[in-house]
Amino acid sequence: MSGTKPNIVFEVDAGVFAPARFGAVAAVGAVCLLALLAILILV
């Protein structure tokens, strides 16, 4: 039992943090794209 517990915790953490990590990357990418568009429009 003690040998499988860390694996379960790790899987749960991965399942919880994977979408959040993807969301953060998507948000940063969107901000970068908006900044580039703003620069192109202003210039």
C-alpha atoms as a PDB file:
ATOM      1  CA  MET A   1       0.000   0.000   0.000  1.00  0.00           C
ATOM      2  CA  SER A   2       2.733   2.424   0.958  1.00  0.00           C
ATOM      3  CA  GLY A   3       4.478   1.775  -2.371  1.00  0.00           C
ATOM      4  CA  THR A   4       1.426   2.694  -4.475  1.00  0.00           C
ATOM      5  CA  LYS A   5       0.373   5.781  -2.523  1.00  0.00           C
ATOM      6  CA  PRO A   6       3.033   8.152  -3.972  1.00  0.00           C
ATOM      7  CA  ASN A   7       2.098   7.013  -7.489  1.00  0.00           C
ATOM      8  CA  ILE A   8      -1.577   7.829  -6.907  1.00  0.00           C
ATOM      9  CA  VAL A   9      -0.696  11.225  -5.438  1.00  0.00           C
ATOM     10  CA  PHE A  10       1.611  11.940  -8.364  1.00  0.00           C
ATOM     11  CA  GLU A  11      -1.098  11.012 -10.877  1.00  0.00           C
ATOM     12  CA  VAL A  12      -3.641  13.217  -9.115  1.00  0.00           C
ATOM     13  CA  ASP A  13      -1.194  16.139  -9.026  1.00  0.00           C
ATOM     14  CA  ALA A  14      -0.405  15.677 -12.724  1.00  0.00           C
ATOM     15  CA  GLY A  15      -4.118  15.550 -13.582  1.00  0.00           C
ATOM     16  CA  VAL A  16      -4.786  18.716 -11.591  1.00  0.00           C
ATOM     17  CA  PHE A  17      -1.784  20.765 -12.677  1.00  0.00           C
ATOM     18  CA  ALA A  18      -1.587  19.765 -16.344  1.00  0.00           C
ATOM     19  CA  PRO A  19      -4.695  21.791 -17.398  1.00  0.00           C
ATOM     20  CA  ALA A  20      -3.581  24.737 -15.245  1.00  0.00           C
ATOM     21  CA  ARG A  21      -0.125  24.665 -16.819  1.00  0.00           C
ATOM     22  CA  PHE A  22      -1.664  24.511 -20.312  1.00  0.00           C
ATOM     23  CA  GLY A  23      -3.975  27.427 -19.412  1.00  0.00           C
ATOM     24  CA  ALA A  24      -1.022  29.508 -18.221  1.00  0.00           C
ATOM     25  CA  VAL A  25       0.930  28.815 -21.423  1.00  0.00           C
ATOM     26  CA  ALA A  26      -2.135  29.677 -23.532  1.00  0.00           C
ATOM     27  CA  ALA A  27      -2.656  32.914 -21.578  1.00  0.00           C
ATOM     28  CA  VAL A  28       0.989  33.965 -22.023  1.00  0.00           C
ATOM     29  CA  GLY A  29       0.790  33.172 -25.734  1.00  0.00           C
ATOM     30  CA  ALA A  30      -2.411  35.201 -26.117  1.00  0.00           C
ATOM     31  CA  VAL A  31      -0.841  38.188 -24.320  1.00  0.00           C
ATOM     32  CA  CYS A  32       2.228  37.993 -26.575  1.00  0.00           C
ATOM     33  CA  LEU A  33       0.054  37.857 -29.703  1.00  0.00           C
ATOM     34  CA  LEU A  34      -2.039  40.807 -28.526  1.00  0.00           C
ATOM     35  CA  ALA A  35       1.138  42.781 -27.784  1.00  0.00           C
ATOM     36  CA  LEU A  36       2.521  42.047 -31.255  1.00  0.00           C
ATOM     37  CA  LEU A  37      -0.766  43.086 -32.863  1.00  0.00           C
ATOM     38  CA  ALA A  38      -0.832  46.303 -30.830  1.00  0.00           C
ATOM     39  CA  ILE A  39       2.751  47.118 -31.870  1.00  0.00           C
ATOM     40  CA  LEU A  40       1.952  46.451 -35.543  1.00  0.00           C
ATOM     41  CA  ILE A  41      -1.172  48.641 -35.366  1.00  0.00           C
ATOM     42  CA  LEU A  42       0.624  51.474 -33.558  1.00  0.00           C
ATOM     43  CA  VAL A  43       3.581  51.360 -35.947  1.00  0.00           C
END
